[in-house]
Amino acid sequence: MRLPPPALWGRFLKRRLPTSLWGRSLLIIVLPVLLMQVAVTWAFFDAHWQTVTARLSDGLAGDIAWAAESYLDDPTPENLALIAARAERSMQLSIAFREGDVLPSDRRRGVIGAIDRTLDAALRERLDQAYWFDTTRYPAYVDVQLQLPQGVLRVIAPRERAVATQAHIFVLWLFLATVLLMSVAILFIRNQVRAIERLADAAESFGRGEIPRFKPHGAREVRAAAVAFIDMRQRIQRYIEQRTALLASVSHDLRTPLTRLRLELALSEPTKRTAAMQRDLDEMEHMIDEYLAFARGETGEAAEPRCAAELLAPAAEDARRAGAEVEVVAPDDLTLMVRPLAMKRALGNLADNAASHGRVVRLSARTLPSGEVELAVEDDGPGIPEALREEAFRPFSRLDEARNQNRKGVGLGLAIARDAARSHGGEALLEDSDLGGLRAVLRLPG
């Protein structure tokens, strides 16, 4: 039979080893302790228990041989009584003789075969007569019978005369010590792993846009990683605040000349030229609003439990105002943790896109088998080719060749939707809709 190469054995073991830090740390502690216990137990039984048992069995076999030879020298009842009295007093042996009897034909062996093998070897070496023994009938005694010409000589000996009966105490103490040491090790490992799990939970919560209350715990290295995470979180928050403040200032500065231009146009006589200029000003103001919304991302907003139908309702109303036929499919008892303004902005952008490119819009919510919540906005428009769907999520991407040009937008609707989904720990996808157009999906943690 050809053995697999070491590389295959390595992959086989790697697939079956624990993947978590808790499982691997536990394996690092438990496996050596178990191997040590097995090695110590094996060495004890091989070097001590079997040696002591062999010597005890040899001594018992010698005493039985003495009794048999003494009786054969003078096979009388008087001599048998004398031998039995001496054996009872000096050797703790109970001797009886059954005249004309023969040895039993059945053989009974104990659970620990080493005891029977050791006693059998000792009797075979010491006795010249046929013999039979049983180590299982009496828990505290060993029954040995010899076939003599006149009958059967039966010897009942205490079990400790043939076996080292205190070996289990050593094994018990070894087992209790192992359990105690492993319990202490497991307790300490669990505390260390829990600190790492808290750090991972805090990082995941921060990735969803939440600001968790987190305090460093655990070993020095874990505390250092936690402190580094807190510093990184604070730097990212400061950067976001500075960026938002900067864009807000730019937006405010731009709105001032726009307001003056609107005032000048309002005081001017209405002509085709002034109407075109008014449309340009509206578009510029809308562009500024979208830039600011994309950069801000509502990162400072706290997450709240909201009903899915409640989240879809404003987006559906926006699509109706745009002239689309809207259908909403969402269970009333489906709730999820979201930042309401960010999610309202994302769903509003998706519904606005759907209403701009289709006549029928459907908004739906459902719970997936994985436990995630899926919010979908569908339309019956021209859709987007699969090869261009990832491109559509890039900021300022218009995809004019794939869909009708959105003259009002600047290509940030899908980017804002994906940013909102990822800030909640989810993802945004584009799929084919059974309405014939595009299906924009936000998959969020349940």
Protein backbone atom coordinates (compact mmCIF):
# COMPACT_ATOMS: atom_id res chain seq x y z
CA MET A 1 0.00 0.00 0.00
CA ARG A 2 1.43 3.35 -1.08
CA LEU A 3 1.44 6.05 1.58
CA PRO A 4 0.44 9.60 0.64
CA PRO A 5 3.27 12.15 0.41
CA PRO A 6 3.95 14.43 3.42
CA ALA A 7 2.39 17.40 1.61
CA LEU A 8 -0.95 15.60 1.41
CA TRP A 9 -0.75 14.68 5.09
CA GLY A 10 -0.02 18.33 5.89
CA ARG A 11 -3.05 19.56 3.94
CA PHE A 12 -5.21 16.84 5.49
CA LEU A 13 -4.25 17.89 9.02
CA LYS A 14 -4.53 21.60 8.21
CA ARG A 15 -8.12 21.21 7.03
CA ARG A 16 -9.07 19.49 10.28
CA LEU A 17 -7.30 21.74 12.74
CA PRO A 18 -9.30 24.47 14.48
CA THR A 19 -9.47 27.76 12.59
CA SER A 20 -10.25 30.07 15.52
CA LEU A 21 -7.62 31.51 17.87
CA TRP A 22 -9.53 30.03 20.81
CA GLY A 23 -9.47 26.53 19.30
CA ARG A 24 -5.81 26.69 18.31
CA SER A 25 -4.71 28.08 21.68
CA LEU A 26 -6.68 25.36 23.42
CA LEU A 27 -5.07 22.75 21.18
CA ILE A 28 -1.61 24.11 22.01
CA ILE A 29 -2.29 23.57 25.72
CA VAL A 30 -4.41 20.42 25.65
CA LEU A 31 -2.43 18.36 23.13
CA PRO A 32 0.94 18.47 24.96
CA VAL A 33 -0.75 17.78 28.30
CA LEU A 34 -2.58 14.77 26.89
CA LEU A 35 0.57 13.47 25.23
CA MET A 36 2.47 13.91 28.49
CA GLN A 37 -0.23 12.07 30.42
CA VAL A 38 -0.24 9.19 27.95
CA ALA A 39 3.56 8.98 27.98
CA VAL A 40 3.78 9.08 31.78
CA THR A 41 1.00 6.51 32.15
CA TRP A 42 2.60 4.24 29.58
CA ALA A 43 6.01 4.53 31.23
CA PHE A 44 4.47 3.88 34.64
CA PHE A 45 2.64 0.75 33.54
CA ASP A 46 5.57 -0.51 31.52
CA ALA A 47 8.35 0.20 34.00
CA HIS A 48 6.61 -0.01 37.35
CA TRP A 49 3.20 -1.63 37.36
CA GLN A 50 4.05 -4.59 35.15
CA THR A 51 7.35 -5.17 36.99
CA VAL A 52 5.69 -5.10 40.41
CA THR A 53 2.82 -7.30 39.20
CA ALA A 54 5.27 -9.81 37.71
CA ARG A 55 7.19 -10.05 40.98
CA LEU A 56 4.00 -10.44 43.03
CA SER A 57 2.69 -13.12 40.67
CA ASP A 58 6.02 -14.90 40.80
CA GLY A 59 5.94 -14.89 44.60
CA LEU A 60 2.37 -16.23 44.66
CA ALA A 61 3.24 -18.94 42.17
CA GLY A 62 6.21 -19.96 44.35
CA ASP A 63 3.99 -20.25 47.43
CA ILE A 64 1.45 -22.35 45.50
CA ALA A 65 4.24 -24.59 44.20
CA TRP A 66 5.49 -25.05 47.80
CA ALA A 67 2.02 -26.04 48.95
CA ALA A 68 1.58 -28.53 46.08
CA GLU A 69 5.02 -30.14 46.62
CA SER A 70 4.49 -30.33 50.40
CA TYR A 71 1.19 -32.11 49.89
CA LEU A 72 2.61 -34.53 47.31
CA ASP A 73 5.37 -35.48 49.76
CA ASP A 74 2.71 -36.68 52.22
CA PRO A 75 -0.78 -36.83 50.63
CA THR A 76 -2.68 -37.30 53.90
CA PRO A 77 -5.48 -35.24 55.42
CA GLU A 78 -3.30 -34.46 58.41
CA ASN A 79 -0.51 -33.05 56.28
CA LEU A 80 -3.01 -31.08 54.21
CA ALA A 81 -4.45 -29.51 57.35
CA LEU A 82 -0.96 -28.58 58.54
CA ILE A 83 -0.07 -27.04 55.16
CA ALA A 84 -3.38 -25.12 55.05
CA ALA A 85 -2.82 -23.74 58.56
CA ARG A 86 0.72 -22.58 57.79
CA ALA A 87 -0.36 -21.05 54.46
CA GLU A 88 -3.26 -19.22 56.11
CA ARG A 89 -1.07 -17.90 58.91
CA SER A 90 2.06 -16.96 56.96
CA MET A 91 0.97 -16.46 53.36
CA GLN A 92 -2.72 -15.43 53.56
CA LEU A 93 -3.62 -18.41 51.35
CA SER A 94 -6.79 -20.44 51.71
CA ILE A 95 -6.12 -24.04 50.62
CA ALA A 96 -8.71 -26.76 50.01
CA PHE A 97 -8.51 -30.19 48.32
CA ARG A 98 -11.25 -31.80 46.23
CA GLU A 99 -10.44 -35.49 45.96
CA GLY A 100 -11.13 -37.11 42.59
CA ASP A 101 -12.10 -33.80 40.94
CA VAL A 102 -10.76 -32.36 37.66
CA LEU A 103 -9.97 -28.83 36.50
CA PRO A 104 -12.75 -26.69 35.01
CA SER A 105 -12.89 -26.60 31.24
CA ASP A 106 -13.89 -22.95 30.79
CA ARG A 107 -11.42 -20.06 30.81
CA ARG A 108 -12.41 -16.66 32.14
CA ARG A 109 -10.17 -13.68 31.48
CA GLY A 110 -10.31 -10.20 32.92
CA VAL A 111 -10.66 -6.85 31.17
CA ILE A 112 -6.98 -6.04 31.74
CA GLY A 113 -5.29 -8.85 29.89
CA ALA A 114 -1.86 -7.97 31.29
CA ILE A 115 -2.86 -9.35 34.71
CA ASP A 116 -3.83 -12.77 33.33
CA ARG A 117 -0.77 -12.94 31.09
CA THR A 118 1.59 -12.09 33.94
CA LEU A 119 0.01 -14.61 36.34
CA ASP A 120 -0.11 -17.30 33.64
CA ALA A 121 3.60 -16.82 32.88
CA ALA A 122 4.51 -17.07 36.59
CA LEU A 123 2.43 -20.25 37.17
CA ARG A 124 3.76 -21.89 34.01
CA GLU A 125 7.32 -21.27 35.14
CA ARG A 126 6.84 -22.44 38.75
CA LEU A 127 4.40 -25.35 38.47
CA ASP A 128 4.90 -28.75 36.93
CA GLN A 129 1.22 -29.69 37.21
CA ALA A 130 -1.69 -28.61 35.04
CA TYR A 131 -3.40 -25.53 36.45
CA TRP A 132 -6.41 -23.28 36.04
CA PHE A 133 -6.98 -19.79 37.44
CA ASP A 134 -9.66 -17.11 37.50
CA THR A 135 -9.06 -13.43 38.32
CA THR A 136 -12.65 -12.23 37.68
CA ARG A 137 -14.96 -14.34 39.86
CA TYR A 138 -14.01 -12.70 43.17
CA PRO A 139 -13.17 -8.97 43.09
CA ALA A 140 -10.71 -9.20 46.00
CA TYR A 141 -9.30 -12.72 45.43
CA VAL A 142 -7.59 -14.88 42.83
CA ASP A 143 -8.69 -18.49 42.37
CA VAL A 144 -5.92 -20.93 41.37
CA GLN A 145 -6.50 -24.68 40.98
CA LEU A 146 -3.90 -27.44 40.38
CA GLN A 147 -4.51 -30.92 38.98
CA LEU A 148 -2.89 -33.51 41.27
CA PRO A 149 -3.05 -37.31 40.94
CA GLN A 150 -5.46 -37.50 43.90
CA GLY A 151 -7.70 -34.58 42.78
CA VAL A 152 -7.69 -30.80 42.58
CA LEU A 153 -5.82 -28.54 44.98
CA ARG A 154 -7.58 -25.17 45.16
CA VAL A 155 -5.81 -22.05 46.44
CA ILE A 156 -7.67 -18.76 47.10
CA ALA A 157 -5.21 -15.84 47.39
CA PRO A 158 -5.85 -12.14 48.07
CA ARG A 159 -5.71 -10.11 44.90
CA GLU A 160 -2.93 -7.87 46.19
CA ARG A 161 -0.69 -10.99 46.40
CA ALA A 162 -0.80 -11.22 42.57
CA VAL A 163 -1.49 -7.67 41.33
CA ALA A 164 -0.32 -4.15 42.24
CA THR A 165 -3.80 -2.96 43.19
CA GLN A 166 -2.87 0.65 44.06
CA ALA A 167 -1.85 1.62 40.51
CA HIS A 168 -5.21 3.26 39.84
CA ILE A 169 -4.52 5.78 42.61
CA PHE A 170 -1.50 7.07 40.68
CA VAL A 171 -3.53 7.28 37.48
CA LEU A 172 -6.36 9.04 39.34
CA TRP A 173 -4.02 11.64 40.83
CA LEU A 174 -2.40 12.15 37.44
CA PHE A 175 -5.81 12.64 35.83
CA LEU A 176 -6.99 15.09 38.52
CA ALA A 177 -3.78 17.11 38.24
CA THR A 178 -4.16 17.21 34.46
CA VAL A 179 -7.77 18.38 34.71
CA LEU A 180 -6.80 21.08 37.22
CA LEU A 181 -3.92 22.38 35.09
CA MET A 182 -6.01 22.32 31.92
CA SER A 183 -8.86 24.18 33.64
CA VAL A 184 -6.52 26.93 34.76
CA ALA A 185 -4.96 27.11 31.27
CA ILE A 186 -8.38 27.22 29.58
CA LEU A 187 -9.51 30.01 31.91
CA PHE A 188 -6.48 32.17 31.11
CA ILE A 189 -6.67 31.43 27.38
CA ARG A 190 -10.35 32.34 27.32
CA ASN A 191 -9.66 35.68 28.97
CA GLN A 192 -6.95 36.49 26.43
CA VAL A 193 -9.08 35.43 23.47
CA ARG A 194 -12.03 37.43 24.77
CA ALA A 195 -9.89 40.58 24.68
CA ILE A 196 -9.06 39.95 21.02
CA GLU A 197 -12.72 39.25 20.24
CA ARG A 198 -13.71 42.56 21.83
CA LEU A 199 -11.13 44.35 19.69
CA ALA A 200 -12.49 42.63 16.56
CA ASP A 201 -16.08 43.55 17.49
CA ALA A 202 -15.07 47.17 18.06
CA ALA A 203 -13.31 47.30 14.67
CA GLU A 204 -16.34 45.77 12.95
CA SER A 205 -18.70 48.21 14.66
CA PHE A 206 -16.52 51.14 13.63
CA GLY A 207 -16.52 49.80 10.07
CA ARG A 208 -20.33 50.01 10.13
CA GLY A 209 -20.13 53.65 11.14
CA GLU A 210 -20.87 53.13 14.84
CA ILE A 211 -18.77 54.58 17.65
CA PRO A 212 -18.51 51.69 20.17
CA ARG A 213 -17.49 52.15 23.78
CA PHE A 214 -14.27 50.19 23.91
CA LYS A 215 -11.58 49.87 26.57
CA PRO A 216 -8.29 47.97 26.07
CA HIS A 217 -8.17 44.59 27.83
CA GLY A 218 -5.92 41.55 27.92
CA ALA A 219 -2.19 41.06 27.57
CA ARG A 220 0.28 43.86 26.86
CA GLU A 221 0.43 43.10 23.13
CA VAL A 222 -3.37 43.01 22.84
CA ARG A 223 -3.63 46.29 24.77
CA ALA A 224 -1.08 47.84 22.44
CA ALA A 225 -3.14 46.76 19.42
CA ALA A 226 -6.30 48.14 21.07
CA VAL A 227 -4.63 51.48 21.81
CA ALA A 228 -3.40 51.64 18.21
CA PHE A 229 -6.95 50.94 17.01
CA ILE A 230 -8.38 53.70 19.20
CA ASP A 231 -5.77 56.16 17.93
CA MET A 232 -6.51 55.16 14.34
CA ARG A 233 -10.24 55.57 14.92
CA GLN A 234 -9.74 59.03 16.35
CA ARG A 235 -7.52 60.07 13.43
CA ILE A 236 -10.11 58.82 10.93
CA GLN A 237 -12.88 60.66 12.77
CA ARG A 238 -10.85 63.87 12.80
CA TYR A 239 -10.13 63.48 9.09
CA ILE A 240 -13.84 62.96 8.32
CA GLU A 241 -14.82 65.94 10.46
CA GLN A 242 -12.20 68.15 8.80
CA ARG A 243 -13.26 67.04 5.33
CA THR A 244 -16.94 67.62 6.10
CA ALA A 245 -16.20 71.02 7.60
CA LEU A 246 -14.09 71.98 4.59
CA LEU A 247 -16.78 70.94 2.10
CA ALA A 248 -19.43 72.68 4.15
CA SER A 249 -17.37 75.86 4.04
CA VAL A 250 -16.89 75.51 0.28
CA SER A 251 -20.60 74.88 -0.13
CA HIS A 252 -21.42 77.95 1.94
CA ASP A 253 -18.97 80.09 -0.01
CA LEU A 254 -20.41 78.91 -3.32
CA ARG A 255 -23.99 79.43 -2.22
CA THR A 256 -23.34 83.13 -1.55
CA PRO A 257 -22.57 84.07 -5.21
CA LEU A 258 -25.29 81.69 -6.38
CA THR A 259 -27.78 83.53 -4.18
CA ARG A 260 -26.65 86.89 -5.62
CA LEU A 261 -27.02 85.53 -9.17
CA ARG A 262 -30.52 84.26 -8.36
CA LEU A 263 -31.41 87.69 -7.01
CA GLU A 264 -30.07 89.39 -10.16
CA LEU A 265 -32.05 86.99 -12.35
CA ALA A 266 -35.19 87.55 -10.30
CA LEU A 267 -34.90 91.31 -10.81
CA SER A 268 -34.20 90.96 -14.54
CA GLU A 269 -36.86 90.79 -17.16
CA PRO A 270 -37.85 87.17 -17.93
CA THR A 271 -36.41 86.05 -21.27
CA LYS A 272 -35.19 82.82 -22.79
CA ARG A 273 -31.65 83.73 -21.77
CA THR A 274 -32.60 84.30 -18.12
CA ALA A 275 -34.59 81.06 -18.05
CA ALA A 276 -31.53 79.13 -19.32
CA MET A 277 -29.36 80.83 -16.73
CA GLN A 278 -31.88 79.88 -14.02
CA ARG A 279 -31.69 76.22 -15.07
CA ASP A 280 -27.89 76.38 -14.94
CA LEU A 281 -28.05 77.79 -11.42
CA ASP A 282 -30.44 75.02 -10.32
CA GLU A 283 -28.10 72.40 -11.73
CA MET A 284 -25.08 73.97 -10.03
CA GLU A 285 -26.90 74.02 -6.67
CA HIS A 286 -27.94 70.41 -7.08
CA MET A 287 -24.35 69.43 -7.93
CA ILE A 288 -23.07 71.16 -4.78
CA ASP A 289 -25.66 69.31 -2.68
CA GLU A 290 -24.64 65.95 -4.15
CA TYR A 291 -20.92 66.59 -3.67
CA LEU A 292 -21.49 67.48 -0.04
CA ALA A 293 -23.76 64.47 0.56
CA PHE A 294 -21.24 62.08 -0.99
CA ALA A 295 -18.33 63.45 1.03
CA ARG A 296 -20.25 63.65 4.30
CA GLY A 297 -21.90 60.23 4.14
CA GLU A 298 -23.80 60.84 7.39
CA THR A 299 -20.93 59.19 9.31
CA GLY A 300 -21.74 60.94 12.55
CA GLU A 301 -25.30 59.64 12.68
CA ALA A 302 -26.19 57.00 15.28
CA ALA A 303 -27.75 53.70 14.22
CA GLU A 304 -31.37 53.07 15.21
CA PRO A 305 -33.83 50.19 14.73
CA ARG A 306 -36.16 51.04 11.86
CA CYS A 307 -38.91 49.17 10.07
CA ALA A 308 -38.05 48.26 6.48
CA ALA A 309 -41.41 49.47 5.19
CA GLU A 310 -40.82 52.81 6.93
CA LEU A 311 -37.46 53.17 5.19
CA LEU A 312 -38.92 52.40 1.75
CA ALA A 313 -41.92 54.75 2.06
CA PRO A 314 -40.08 58.10 1.44
CA ALA A 315 -38.21 56.65 -1.55
CA ALA A 316 -41.48 55.34 -2.99
CA GLU A 317 -43.06 58.77 -2.57
CA ASP A 318 -40.15 60.41 -4.39
CA ALA A 319 -40.54 57.97 -7.28
CA ARG A 320 -44.31 58.70 -7.47
CA ARG A 321 -43.65 62.43 -7.61
CA ALA A 322 -41.29 61.73 -10.53
CA GLY A 323 -44.23 60.20 -12.40
CA ALA A 324 -43.47 56.48 -11.99
CA GLU A 325 -45.91 53.73 -11.09
CA VAL A 326 -44.62 52.48 -7.75
CA GLU A 327 -45.15 49.17 -5.90
CA VAL A 328 -43.87 48.52 -2.36
CA VAL A 329 -43.47 44.93 -1.08
CA ALA A 330 -42.19 44.78 2.51
CA PRO A 331 -43.35 42.94 5.66
CA ASP A 332 -44.46 45.20 8.48
CA ASP A 333 -42.51 43.29 11.15
CA LEU A 334 -39.10 43.42 9.42
CA THR A 335 -36.73 45.74 11.31
CA LEU A 336 -33.01 46.43 11.03
CA MET A 337 -30.38 48.67 12.60
CA VAL A 338 -29.56 51.58 10.26
CA ARG A 339 -28.57 55.21 10.27
CA PRO A 340 -31.90 56.63 9.05
CA LEU A 341 -30.68 59.68 7.13
CA ALA A 342 -27.90 57.80 5.33
CA MET A 343 -30.26 54.99 4.37
CA LYS A 344 -32.97 57.45 3.31
CA ARG A 345 -30.46 59.20 1.06
CA ALA A 346 -29.28 55.87 -0.46
CA LEU A 347 -32.79 54.56 -1.14
CA GLY A 348 -33.88 57.96 -2.43
CA ASN A 349 -31.04 58.01 -4.95
CA LEU A 350 -31.88 54.47 -6.12
CA ALA A 351 -35.58 55.29 -6.43
CA ASP A 352 -34.78 58.53 -8.28
CA ASN A 353 -32.57 56.64 -10.74
CA ALA A 354 -35.26 53.98 -11.24
CA ALA A 355 -37.98 56.59 -11.84
CA SER A 356 -35.73 58.47 -14.26
CA HIS A 357 -35.13 55.41 -16.45
CA GLY A 358 -38.37 53.45 -16.12
CA ARG A 359 -42.11 53.83 -15.83
CA VAL A 360 -42.68 51.06 -13.26
CA VAL A 361 -40.69 50.99 -10.01
CA ARG A 362 -40.85 48.31 -7.34
CA LEU A 363 -39.33 48.63 -3.88
CA SER A 364 -39.08 45.48 -1.74
CA ALA A 365 -37.55 44.16 1.47
CA ARG A 366 -37.00 40.59 2.63
CA THR A 367 -34.86 38.48 4.95
CA LEU A 368 -32.37 36.15 3.27
CA PRO A 369 -31.61 32.59 4.51
CA SER A 370 -28.22 33.89 5.70
CA GLY A 371 -29.98 36.31 8.08
CA GLU A 372 -29.17 39.41 6.05
CA VAL A 373 -31.85 41.92 5.08
CA GLU A 374 -32.19 42.76 1.39
CA LEU A 375 -33.61 46.12 0.25
CA ALA A 376 -34.20 46.25 -3.52
CA VAL A 377 -35.26 48.94 -6.00
CA GLU A 378 -36.29 47.70 -9.46
CA ASP A 379 -37.39 49.33 -12.68
CA ASP A 380 -38.49 48.39 -16.21
CA GLY A 381 -35.95 50.65 -17.92
CA PRO A 382 -33.12 49.78 -20.30
CA GLY A 383 -30.91 48.44 -17.50
CA ILE A 384 -27.11 48.34 -17.39
CA PRO A 385 -24.98 45.69 -19.13
CA GLU A 386 -23.34 43.31 -16.69
CA ALA A 387 -19.86 44.33 -17.84
CA LEU A 388 -20.53 47.97 -16.88
CA ARG A 389 -22.27 47.45 -13.52
CA GLU A 390 -19.15 47.77 -11.41
CA GLU A 391 -18.21 50.88 -13.35
CA ALA A 392 -21.61 52.37 -12.48
CA PHE A 393 -20.69 52.45 -8.78
CA ARG A 394 -17.68 54.66 -9.36
CA PRO A 395 -18.15 58.32 -8.40
CA PHE A 396 -19.07 60.66 -11.26
CA SER A 397 -19.72 57.76 -13.63
CA ARG A 398 -22.72 58.57 -15.86
CA LEU A 399 -22.81 55.55 -18.24
CA ASP A 400 -24.59 57.63 -20.87
CA GLU A 401 -24.25 54.85 -23.43
CA ALA A 402 -26.02 52.33 -21.23
CA ARG A 403 -28.92 54.43 -19.91
CA ASN A 404 -30.54 57.70 -20.78
CA GLN A 405 -28.47 60.64 -19.62
CA ASN A 406 -29.45 61.95 -16.22
CA ARG A 407 -29.16 65.65 -16.85
CA LYS A 408 -29.81 66.55 -13.25
CA GLY A 409 -27.39 64.13 -11.59
CA VAL A 410 -23.60 64.04 -11.57
CA GLY A 411 -23.07 60.28 -11.29
CA LEU A 412 -22.98 60.00 -7.48
CA GLY A 413 -26.30 58.23 -6.77
CA LEU A 414 -25.02 54.66 -6.91
CA ALA A 415 -21.74 55.63 -5.25
CA ILE A 416 -23.64 57.14 -2.31
CA ALA A 417 -25.83 54.02 -2.09
CA ARG A 418 -22.82 51.67 -2.01
CA ASP A 419 -21.02 53.87 0.50
CA ALA A 420 -24.09 53.79 2.77
CA ALA A 421 -24.44 50.01 2.45
CA ARG A 422 -20.77 49.36 3.20
CA SER A 423 -20.80 51.76 6.15
CA HIS A 424 -23.54 49.53 7.62
CA GLY A 425 -21.41 46.40 7.10
CA GLY A 426 -23.30 45.36 3.96
CA GLU A 427 -22.93 45.65 0.20
CA ALA A 428 -24.68 47.15 -2.83
CA LEU A 429 -25.18 45.12 -6.01
CA LEU A 430 -26.80 45.50 -9.42
CA GLU A 431 -28.80 42.62 -10.90
CA ASP A 432 -31.33 41.93 -13.64
CA SER A 433 -34.92 42.62 -12.64
CA ASP A 434 -37.89 40.50 -13.61
CA LEU A 435 -39.54 43.81 -14.62
CA GLY A 436 -37.11 43.89 -17.52
CA GLY A 437 -34.76 46.59 -16.23
CA LEU A 438 -32.27 46.99 -13.40
CA ARG A 439 -32.48 45.71 -9.83
CA ALA A 440 -30.38 47.67 -7.31
CA VAL A 441 -29.90 45.70 -4.08
CA LEU A 442 -28.69 46.79 -0.64
CA ARG A 443 -27.78 43.78 1.53
CA LEU A 444 -27.42 44.74 5.18
CA PRO A 445 -26.75 42.78 8.38
CA GLY A 446 -29.95 41.54 10.00
